[in-house]
Amino acid sequence: MAKSFWESFKSLPPRTRIYLGLGGIAIGLTGNYISDKLEEKFPDNIPSNPPTNASGQTENASSNSQ
């Protein structure tokens, strides 16, 4: 019977498992850093909350109802 992924991972030497874990953390942190920098360079132009008028409706909704 073939080993499961976990059994194969556990059969690796402890130092190798540490290196794999640290490598995964490094890749995740690098991706997070790059993602933040790209978001600063190319901001999203869509407002998250559309402006509302005094009655609480969005401006487009109130202009359509007239």
PDB file of N, CA and C in Angstrom:
ATOM      1  N   MET A   1       0.851  -1.186   0.000  1.00  0.00           N
ATOM      2  CA  MET A   1       0.000   0.000   0.000  1.00  0.00           C
ATOM      3  C   MET A   1       0.892   1.243   0.000  1.00  0.00           C
ATOM      4  N   ALA A   2       0.514   2.245  -0.756  1.00  0.00           N
ATOM      5  CA  ALA A   2       1.299   3.470  -0.873  1.00  0.00           C
ATOM      6  C   ALA A   2       1.136   4.319   0.394  1.00  0.00           C
ATOM      7  N   LYS A   3       2.199   5.047   0.703  1.00  0.00           N
ATOM      8  CA  LYS A   3       2.152   5.947   1.859  1.00  0.00           C
ATOM      9  C   LYS A   3       1.278   7.149   1.553  1.00  0.00           C
ATOM     10  N   SER A   4       0.626   7.651   2.593  1.00  0.00           N
ATOM     11  CA  SER A   4      -0.118   8.901   2.428  1.00  0.00           C
ATOM     12  C   SER A   4       0.877  10.061   2.427  1.00  0.00           C
ATOM     13  N   PHE A   5       0.378  11.228   2.061  1.00  0.00           N
ATOM     14  CA  PHE A   5       1.244  12.412   2.042  1.00  0.00           C
ATOM     15  C   PHE A   5       1.822  12.659   3.433  1.00  0.00           C
ATOM     16  N   TRP A   6       0.988  12.552   4.452  1.00  0.00           N
ATOM     17  CA  TRP A   6       1.440  12.823   5.820  1.00  0.00           C
ATOM     18  C   TRP A   6       2.502  11.816   6.245  1.00  0.00           C
ATOM     19  N   GLU A   7       2.322  10.553   5.905  1.00  0.00           N
ATOM     20  CA  GLU A   7       3.320   9.538   6.250  1.00  0.00           C
ATOM     21  C   GLU A   7       4.632   9.802   5.518  1.00  0.00           C
ATOM     22  N   SER A   8       4.544  10.202   4.273  1.00  0.00           N
ATOM     23  CA  SER A   8       5.763  10.533   3.524  1.00  0.00           C
ATOM     24  C   SER A   8       6.460  11.746   4.132  1.00  0.00           C
ATOM     25  N   PHE A   9       5.681  12.741   4.523  1.00  0.00           N
ATOM     26  CA  PHE A   9       6.262  13.936   5.136  1.00  0.00           C
ATOM     27  C   PHE A   9       6.921  13.593   6.469  1.00  0.00           C
ATOM     28  N   LYS A  10       6.243  12.788   7.273  1.00  0.00           N
ATOM     29  CA  LYS A  10       6.790  12.428   8.586  1.00  0.00           C
ATOM     30  C   LYS A  10       8.045  11.569   8.469  1.00  0.00           C
ATOM     31  N   SER A  11       8.217  10.866   7.340  1.00  0.00           N
ATOM     32  CA  SER A  11       9.398  10.023   7.183  1.00  0.00           C
ATOM     33  C   SER A  11      10.634  10.833   6.778  1.00  0.00           C
ATOM     34  N   LEU A  12      10.457  12.111   6.411  1.00  0.00           N
ATOM     35  CA  LEU A  12      11.595  12.969   6.090  1.00  0.00           C
ATOM     36  C   LEU A  12      12.359  13.305   7.370  1.00  0.00           C
ATOM     37  N   PRO A  13      13.647  13.569   7.262  1.00  0.00           N
ATOM     38  CA  PRO A  13      14.405  13.991   8.449  1.00  0.00           C
ATOM     39  C   PRO A  13      13.842  15.305   9.007  1.00  0.00           C
ATOM     40  N   PRO A  14      13.908  15.489  10.329  1.00  0.00           N
ATOM     41  CA  PRO A  14      13.352  16.706  10.941  1.00  0.00           C
ATOM     42  C   PRO A  14      13.905  18.002  10.349  1.00  0.00           C
ATOM     43  N   ARG A  15      15.178  18.024  10.034  1.00  0.00           N
ATOM     44  CA  ARG A  15      15.766  19.242   9.479  1.00  0.00           C
ATOM     45  C   ARG A  15      15.150  19.575   8.117  1.00  0.00           C
ATOM     46  N   THR A  16      14.897  18.565   7.306  1.00  0.00           N
ATOM     47  CA  THR A  16      14.271  18.776   5.994  1.00  0.00           C
ATOM     48  C   THR A  16      12.859  19.311   6.157  1.00  0.00           C
ATOM     49  N   ARG A  17      12.116  18.769   7.140  1.00  0.00           N
ATOM     50  CA  ARG A  17      10.755  19.267   7.387  1.00  0.00           C
ATOM     51  C   ARG A  17      10.778  20.723   7.838  1.00  0.00           C
ATOM     52  N   ILE A  18      11.770  21.089   8.645  1.00  0.00           N
ATOM     53  CA  ILE A  18      11.905  22.489   9.074  1.00  0.00           C
ATOM     54  C   ILE A  18      12.184  23.383   7.868  1.00  0.00           C
ATOM     55  N   TYR A  19      13.092  22.941   7.003  1.00  0.00           N
ATOM     56  CA  TYR A  19      13.407  23.736   5.816  1.00  0.00           C
ATOM     57  C   TYR A  19      12.193  23.894   4.908  1.00  0.00           C
ATOM     58  N   LEU A  20      11.415  22.836   4.737  1.00  0.00           N
ATOM     59  CA  LEU A  20      10.204  22.935   3.923  1.00  0.00           C
ATOM     60  C   LEU A  20       9.204  23.907   4.545  1.00  0.00           C
ATOM     61  N   GLY A  21       9.033  23.850   5.861  1.00  0.00           N
ATOM     62  CA  GLY A  21       8.120  24.766   6.540  1.00  0.00           C
ATOM     63  C   GLY A  21       8.580  26.212   6.422  1.00  0.00           C
ATOM     64  N   LEU A  22       9.853  26.452   6.640  1.00  0.00           N
ATOM     65  CA  LEU A  22      10.383  27.819   6.529  1.00  0.00           C
ATOM     66  C   LEU A  22      10.297  28.318   5.086  1.00  0.00           C
ATOM     67  N   GLY A  23      10.515  27.426   4.128  1.00  0.00           N
ATOM     68  CA  GLY A  23      10.386  27.817   2.722  1.00  0.00           C
ATOM     69  C   GLY A  23       8.957  28.217   2.386  1.00  0.00           C
ATOM     70  N   GLY A  24       7.989  27.472   2.894  1.00  0.00           N
ATOM     71  CA  GLY A  24       6.582  27.823   2.679  1.00  0.00           C
ATOM     72  C   GLY A  24       6.228  29.155   3.299  1.00  0.00           C
ATOM     73  N   ILE A  25       6.739  29.411   4.500  1.00  0.00           N
ATOM     74  CA  ILE A  25       6.491  30.700   5.159  1.00  0.00           C
ATOM     75  C   ILE A  25       7.128  31.830   4.353  1.00  0.00           C
ATOM     76  N   ALA A  26       8.348  31.619   3.867  1.00  0.00           N
ATOM     77  CA  ALA A  26       9.038  32.650   3.079  1.00  0.00           C
ATOM     78  C   ALA A  26       8.275  32.960   1.798  1.00  0.00           C
ATOM     79  N   ILE A  27       7.765  31.939   1.128  1.00  0.00           N
ATOM     80  CA  ILE A  27       6.992  32.153  -0.099  1.00  0.00           C
ATOM     81  C   ILE A  27       5.717  32.922   0.213  1.00  0.00           C
ATOM     82  N   GLY A  28       5.034  32.570   1.305  1.00  0.00           N
ATOM     83  CA  GLY A  28       3.817  33.276   1.686  1.00  0.00           C
ATOM     84  C   GLY A  28       4.066  34.735   2.027  1.00  0.00           C
ATOM     85  N   LEU A  29       5.112  35.015   2.796  1.00  0.00           N
ATOM     86  CA  LEU A  29       5.432  36.395   3.155  1.00  0.00           C
ATOM     87  C   LEU A  29       5.839  37.217   1.927  1.00  0.00           C
ATOM     88  N   THR A  30       6.596  36.600   1.032  1.00  0.00           N
ATOM     89  CA  THR A  30       6.992  37.299  -0.189  1.00  0.00           C
ATOM     90  C   THR A  30       5.781  37.640  -1.037  1.00  0.00           C
ATOM     91  N   GLY A  31       4.865  36.702  -1.184  1.00  0.00           N
ATOM     92  CA  GLY A  31       3.647  36.946  -1.948  1.00  0.00           C
ATOM     93  C   GLY A  31       2.802  38.035  -1.331  1.00  0.00           C
ATOM     94  N   ASN A  32       2.719  38.048   0.002  1.00  0.00           N
ATOM     95  CA  ASN A  32       1.954  39.086   0.686  1.00  0.00           C
ATOM     96  C   ASN A  32       2.583  40.462   0.472  1.00  0.00           C
ATOM     97  N   TYR A  33       3.894  40.547   0.547  1.00  0.00           N
ATOM     98  CA  TYR A  33       4.601  41.811   0.337  1.00  0.00           C
ATOM     99  C   TYR A  33       4.404  42.314  -1.093  1.00  0.00           C
ATOM    100  N   ILE A  34       4.574  41.416  -2.058  1.00  0.00           N
ATOM    101  CA  ILE A  34       4.417  41.803  -3.467  1.00  0.00           C
ATOM    102  C   ILE A  34       2.981  42.242  -3.738  1.00  0.00           C
ATOM    103  N   SER A  35       2.015  41.532  -3.164  1.00  0.00           N
ATOM    104  CA  SER A  35       0.608  41.886  -3.344  1.00  0.00           C
ATOM    105  C   SER A  35       0.321  43.284  -2.799  1.00  0.00           C
ATOM    106  N   ASP A  36       0.860  43.599  -1.630  1.00  0.00           N
ATOM    107  CA  ASP A  36       0.650  44.935  -1.061  1.00  0.00           C
ATOM    108  C   ASP A  36       1.270  46.019  -1.935  1.00  0.00           C
ATOM    109  N   LYS A  37       2.475  45.774  -2.442  1.00  0.00           N
ATOM    110  CA  LYS A  37       3.124  46.769  -3.290  1.00  0.00           C
ATOM    111  C   LYS A  37       2.366  46.969  -4.601  1.00  0.00           C
ATOM    112  N   LEU A  38       1.857  45.892  -5.184  1.00  0.00           N
ATOM    113  CA  LEU A  38       1.077  46.021  -6.416  1.00  0.00           C
ATOM    114  C   LEU A  38      -0.222  46.768  -6.168  1.00  0.00           C
ATOM    115  N   GLU A  39      -0.830  46.551  -5.002  1.00  0.00           N
ATOM    116  CA  GLU A  39      -2.066  47.254  -4.682  1.00  0.00           C
ATOM    117  C   GLU A  39      -1.815  48.749  -4.506  1.00  0.00           C
ATOM    118  N   GLU A  40      -0.657  49.113  -3.953  1.00  0.00           N
ATOM    119  CA  GLU A  40      -0.313  50.531  -3.835  1.00  0.00           C
ATOM    120  C   GLU A  40      -0.068  51.152  -5.210  1.00  0.00           C
ATOM    121  N   LYS A  41       0.566  50.397  -6.092  1.00  0.00           N
ATOM    122  CA  LYS A  41       0.909  50.919  -7.413  1.00  0.00           C
ATOM    123  C   LYS A  41      -0.303  50.993  -8.331  1.00  0.00           C
ATOM    124  N   PHE A  42      -1.213  50.028  -8.236  1.00  0.00           N
ATOM    125  CA  PHE A  42      -2.410  49.959  -9.078  1.00  0.00           C
ATOM    126  C   PHE A  42      -3.649  49.910  -8.191  1.00  0.00           C
ATOM    127  N   PRO A  43      -4.062  51.053  -7.639  1.00  0.00           N
ATOM    128  CA  PRO A  43      -5.207  51.040  -6.716  1.00  0.00           C
ATOM    129  C   PRO A  43      -6.513  50.713  -7.433  1.00  0.00           C
ATOM    130  N   ASP A  44      -7.445  50.213  -6.670  1.00  0.00           N
ATOM    131  CA  ASP A  44      -8.779  49.899  -7.179  1.00  0.00           C
ATOM    132  C   ASP A  44      -9.559  51.202  -7.269  1.00  0.00           C
ATOM    133  N   ASN A  45     -10.120  51.510  -8.437  1.00  0.00           N
ATOM    134  CA  ASN A  45     -10.836  52.768  -8.636  1.00  0.00           C
ATOM    135  C   ASN A  45     -12.316  52.666  -8.322  1.00  0.00           C
ATOM    136  N   ILE A  46     -12.795  51.486  -7.981  1.00  0.00           N
ATOM    137  CA  ILE A  46     -14.210  51.301  -7.677  1.00  0.00           C
ATOM    138  C   ILE A  46     -14.429  51.609  -6.201  1.00  0.00           C
ATOM    139  N   PRO A  47     -15.318  52.581  -5.863  1.00  0.00           N
ATOM    140  CA  PRO A  47     -15.537  52.875  -4.444  1.00  0.00           C
ATOM    141  C   PRO A  47     -16.239  51.708  -3.760  1.00  0.00           C
ATOM    142  N   SER A  48     -15.825  51.413  -2.528  1.00  0.00           N
ATOM    143  CA  SER A  48     -16.420  50.288  -1.819  1.00  0.00           C
ATOM    144  C   SER A  48     -17.807  50.639  -1.302  1.00  0.00           C
ATOM    145  N   ASN A  49     -18.044  51.891  -0.941  1.00  0.00           N
ATOM    146  CA  ASN A  49     -19.356  52.344  -0.487  1.00  0.00           C
ATOM    147  C   ASN A  49     -19.810  53.482  -1.387  1.00  0.00           C
ATOM    148  N   PRO A  50     -20.830  53.264  -2.214  1.00  0.00           N
ATOM    149  CA  PRO A  50     -21.278  54.343  -3.103  1.00  0.00           C
ATOM    150  C   PRO A  50     -21.869  55.487  -2.297  1.00  0.00           C
ATOM    151  N   PRO A  51     -21.738  56.722  -2.766  1.00  0.00           N
ATOM    152  CA  PRO A  51     -22.282  57.867  -2.026  1.00  0.00           C
ATOM    153  C   PRO A  51     -23.802  57.784  -1.947  1.00  0.00           C
ATOM    154  N   THR A  52     -24.336  58.229  -0.821  1.00  0.00           N
ATOM    155  CA  THR A  52     -25.786  58.202  -0.619  1.00  0.00           C
ATOM    156  C   THR A  52     -26.311  59.622  -0.438  1.00  0.00           C
ATOM    157  N   ASN A  53     -27.605  59.796  -0.704  1.00  0.00           N
ATOM    158  CA  ASN A  53     -28.235  61.091  -0.499  1.00  0.00           C
ATOM    159  C   ASN A  53     -28.880  61.117   0.891  1.00  0.00           C
ATOM    160  N   ALA A  54     -29.644  62.157   1.204  1.00  0.00           N
ATOM    161  CA  ALA A  54     -30.213  62.313   2.541  1.00  0.00           C
ATOM    162  C   ALA A  54     -31.198  61.201   2.901  1.00  0.00           C
ATOM    163  N   SER A  55     -31.873  60.616   1.916  1.00  0.00           N
ATOM    164  CA  SER A  55     -32.842  59.564   2.219  1.00  0.00           C
ATOM    165  C   SER A  55     -32.188  58.192   2.364  1.00  0.00           C
ATOM    166  N   GLY A  56     -30.884  58.101   2.191  1.00  0.00           N
ATOM    167  CA  GLY A  56     -30.184  56.848   2.377  1.00  0.00           C
ATOM    168  C   GLY A  56     -30.076  56.013   1.130  1.00  0.00           C
ATOM    169  N   GLN A  57     -30.607  56.480   0.013  1.00  0.00           N
ATOM    170  CA  GLN A  57     -30.500  55.752  -1.245  1.00  0.00           C
ATOM    171  C   GLN A  57     -29.218  56.166  -1.956  1.00  0.00           C
ATOM    172  N   THR A  58     -28.728  55.269  -2.780  1.00  0.00           N
ATOM    173  CA  THR A  58     -27.572  55.660  -3.586  1.00  0.00           C
ATOM    174  C   THR A  58     -28.015  56.708  -4.596  1.00  0.00           C
ATOM    175  N   GLU A  59     -27.099  57.524  -5.020  1.00  0.00           N
ATOM    176  CA  GLU A  59     -27.454  58.617  -5.917  1.00  0.00           C
ATOM    177  C   GLU A  59     -28.026  58.104  -7.231  1.00  0.00           C
ATOM    178  N   ASN A  60     -27.523  57.012  -7.756  1.00  0.00           N
ATOM    179  CA  ASN A  60     -28.051  56.460  -9.008  1.00  0.00           C
ATOM    180  C   ASN A  60     -29.470  55.948  -8.824  1.00  0.00           C
ATOM    181  N   ALA A  61     -29.776  55.350  -7.691  1.00  0.00           N
ATOM    182  CA  ALA A  61     -31.109  54.803  -7.458  1.00  0.00           C
ATOM    183  C   ALA A  61     -32.135  55.922  -7.351  1.00  0.00           C
ATOM    184  N   SER A  62     -31.766  57.043  -6.706  1.00  0.00           N
ATOM    185  CA  SER A  62     -32.732  58.132  -6.562  1.00  0.00           C
ATOM    186  C   SER A  62     -32.979  58.836  -7.894  1.00  0.00           C
ATOM    187  N   SER A  63     -31.955  58.914  -8.762  1.00  0.00           N
ATOM    188  CA  SER A  63     -32.156  59.579 -10.049  1.00  0.00           C
ATOM    189  C   SER A  63     -32.979  58.701 -10.995  1.00  0.00           C
ATOM    190  N   ASN A  64     -32.936  57.392 -10.822  1.00  0.00           N
ATOM    191  CA  ASN A  64     -33.716  56.499 -11.678  1.00  0.00           C
ATOM    192  C   ASN A  64     -35.195  56.507 -11.313  1.00  0.00           C
ATOM    193  N   SER A  65     -35.512  56.811 -10.057  1.00  0.00           N
ATOM    194  CA  SER A  65     -36.908  56.744  -9.625  1.00  0.00           C
ATOM    195  C   SER A  65     -37.690  57.995 -10.008  1.00  0.00           C
ATOM    196  N   GLN A  66     -37.036  59.031 -10.480  1.00  0.00           N
ATOM    197  CA  GLN A  66     -37.741  60.268 -10.822  1.00  0.00           C
ATOM    198  C   GLN A  66     -38.290  60.248 -12.209  1.00  0.00           C
TER     199      GLN A  66
END
